[in-house]
Each structure stands twice: as C-alpha cells, then as structure tokens.
Amino acid sequence: MTIAGWIMMLSVVLSFTVTLCWCLWKVITAPGQPEHFAHIELDTPDMKQD
C-alpha cells in the first residue's frame, strides 16, 4: 500500500473511532432517565382488537 493509502486509511479509522467515542460519551453522560432515550409507541392494526 502506498503512503497516501496508509494516510487515508488511518484518517478514516481515526475519525470513525473519535466519532463513535464522542457519541457514546454523549449518551452515557446525558442528563435524564435512560428510558427516555428510545421511546417508541407501536400502534399496529392487530393491536386494535376490541
């Protein structure tokens, strides 16, 4: 692999790692209760059986 290839690969891997760590840090240190992070209300037609 050429020097340019190594530079490109290292920059992509480094930027991905930094972004992943930043996102995890924001989620872990976010104030509030964890159950509010992913609130999904499922309302499908088969649930409306009276």
N, C-alpha and C. Protein backbone atom coordinates (compact mmCIF):
# COMPACT_ATOMS: atom_id res chain seq x y z
N MET A 1 0.84 -1.17 0.00
CA MET A 1 0.00 0.00 0.00
C MET A 1 0.90 1.25 0.00
N THR A 2 0.47 2.25 -0.68
CA THR A 2 1.25 3.48 -0.76
C THR A 2 1.08 4.31 0.51
N ILE A 3 1.91 5.32 0.62
CA ILE A 3 1.84 6.24 1.77
C ILE A 3 0.48 6.94 1.79
N ALA A 4 -0.01 7.35 0.64
CA ALA A 4 -1.32 8.02 0.58
C ALA A 4 -2.43 7.07 1.05
N GLY A 5 -2.32 5.81 0.70
CA GLY A 5 -3.30 4.82 1.15
C GLY A 5 -3.29 4.66 2.65
N TRP A 6 -2.11 4.61 3.25
CA TRP A 6 -1.99 4.50 4.70
C TRP A 6 -2.56 5.73 5.39
N ILE A 7 -2.27 6.90 4.85
CA ILE A 7 -2.78 8.14 5.43
C ILE A 7 -4.30 8.16 5.36
N MET A 8 -4.85 7.77 4.22
CA MET A 8 -6.30 7.75 4.06
C MET A 8 -6.94 6.74 5.02
N MET A 9 -6.39 5.54 5.10
CA MET A 9 -6.94 4.52 5.97
C MET A 9 -6.87 4.94 7.44
N LEU A 10 -5.74 5.47 7.87
CA LEU A 10 -5.60 5.90 9.26
C LEU A 10 -6.53 7.06 9.59
N SER A 11 -6.70 7.99 8.65
CA SER A 11 -7.58 9.12 8.92
C SER A 11 -9.04 8.67 9.03
N VAL A 12 -9.45 7.73 8.20
CA VAL A 12 -10.83 7.24 8.26
C VAL A 12 -11.05 6.46 9.55
N VAL A 13 -10.14 5.57 9.89
CA VAL A 13 -10.28 4.78 11.12
C VAL A 13 -10.25 5.70 12.34
N LEU A 14 -9.38 6.66 12.36
CA LEU A 14 -9.30 7.59 13.49
C LEU A 14 -10.56 8.44 13.60
N SER A 15 -11.06 8.97 12.50
CA SER A 15 -12.26 9.79 12.57
C SER A 15 -13.47 8.97 12.99
N PHE A 16 -13.57 7.73 12.53
CA PHE A 16 -14.67 6.86 12.96
C PHE A 16 -14.58 6.58 14.44
N THR A 17 -13.40 6.28 14.94
CA THR A 17 -13.21 5.97 16.35
C THR A 17 -13.54 7.18 17.23
N VAL A 18 -13.10 8.34 16.81
CA VAL A 18 -13.37 9.56 17.57
C VAL A 18 -14.87 9.85 17.59
N THR A 19 -15.52 9.71 16.44
CA THR A 19 -16.96 9.96 16.37
C THR A 19 -17.74 8.96 17.22
N LEU A 20 -17.36 7.70 17.18
CA LEU A 20 -18.02 6.68 18.00
C LEU A 20 -17.85 6.99 19.48
N CYS A 21 -16.65 7.31 19.90
CA CYS A 21 -16.40 7.63 21.31
C CYS A 21 -17.18 8.86 21.74
N TRP A 22 -17.24 9.87 20.88
CA TRP A 22 -17.98 11.10 21.20
C TRP A 22 -19.46 10.79 21.37
N CYS A 23 -20.04 9.98 20.47
CA CYS A 23 -21.45 9.63 20.56
C CYS A 23 -21.73 8.83 21.83
N LEU A 24 -20.89 7.87 22.12
CA LEU A 24 -21.08 7.09 23.35
C LEU A 24 -20.97 7.97 24.58
N TRP A 25 -20.04 8.88 24.59
CA TRP A 25 -19.87 9.79 25.72
C TRP A 25 -21.12 10.66 25.90
N LYS A 26 -21.69 11.15 24.80
CA LYS A 26 -22.88 11.99 24.90
C LYS A 26 -24.07 11.20 25.44
N VAL A 27 -24.19 9.94 25.07
CA VAL A 27 -25.30 9.12 25.55
C VAL A 27 -25.10 8.75 27.01
N ILE A 28 -23.89 8.38 27.38
CA ILE A 28 -23.62 7.95 28.75
C ILE A 28 -23.75 9.11 29.74
N THR A 29 -23.30 10.29 29.36
CA THR A 29 -23.30 11.42 30.28
C THR A 29 -24.53 12.31 30.14
N ALA A 30 -25.51 11.92 29.33
CA ALA A 30 -26.70 12.74 29.14
C ALA A 30 -27.53 12.76 30.42
N PRO A 31 -28.03 13.93 30.78
CA PRO A 31 -28.89 14.00 31.97
C PRO A 31 -30.26 13.40 31.66
N GLY A 32 -30.92 12.97 32.69
CA GLY A 32 -32.25 12.41 32.50
C GLY A 32 -32.26 10.92 32.71
N GLN A 33 -33.42 10.36 32.49
CA GLN A 33 -33.60 8.94 32.74
C GLN A 33 -33.37 8.15 31.45
N PRO A 34 -32.75 6.99 31.55
CA PRO A 34 -32.41 6.21 30.36
C PRO A 34 -33.61 5.73 29.54
N GLU A 35 -34.78 5.57 30.17
CA GLU A 35 -35.91 5.07 29.41
C GLU A 35 -36.44 6.09 28.40
N HIS A 36 -35.98 7.33 28.49
CA HIS A 36 -36.42 8.36 27.55
C HIS A 36 -35.53 8.44 26.32
N PHE A 37 -34.49 7.63 26.23
CA PHE A 37 -33.61 7.69 25.07
C PHE A 37 -34.26 7.13 23.81
N ALA A 38 -34.99 6.06 23.93
CA ALA A 38 -35.60 5.43 22.77
C ALA A 38 -37.06 5.11 23.07
N HIS A 39 -37.89 6.10 22.92
CA HIS A 39 -39.30 5.92 23.21
C HIS A 39 -40.02 5.63 21.89
N ILE A 40 -40.55 4.43 21.76
CA ILE A 40 -41.26 4.04 20.56
C ILE A 40 -42.63 3.53 20.96
N GLU A 41 -43.65 4.09 20.36
CA GLU A 41 -45.01 3.62 20.61
C GLU A 41 -45.47 2.86 19.38
N LEU A 42 -45.66 1.58 19.54
CA LEU A 42 -46.12 0.76 18.45
C LEU A 42 -47.65 0.71 18.47
N ASP A 43 -48.26 1.03 17.35
CA ASP A 43 -49.71 1.00 17.23
C ASP A 43 -50.04 0.35 15.90
N THR A 44 -50.14 -0.97 15.92
CA THR A 44 -50.41 -1.72 14.70
C THR A 44 -51.86 -2.14 14.65
N PRO A 45 -52.39 -2.42 13.47
CA PRO A 45 -53.82 -2.78 13.36
C PRO A 45 -54.20 -4.01 14.17
N ASP A 46 -53.32 -4.97 14.33
CA ASP A 46 -53.68 -6.17 15.09
C ASP A 46 -53.77 -5.91 16.59
N MET A 47 -53.27 -4.77 17.06
CA MET A 47 -53.38 -4.43 18.48
C MET A 47 -54.70 -3.77 18.80
N LYS A 48 -55.46 -3.37 17.78
CA LYS A 48 -56.75 -2.67 18.00
C LYS A 48 -57.93 -3.63 17.98
N GLN A 49 -57.76 -4.80 18.50
CA GLN A 49 -58.86 -5.75 18.56
C GLN A 49 -59.65 -5.53 19.84
N ASP A 50 -60.88 -5.13 19.67
CA ASP A 50 -61.73 -4.84 20.85
C ASP A 50 -62.57 -6.02 21.24
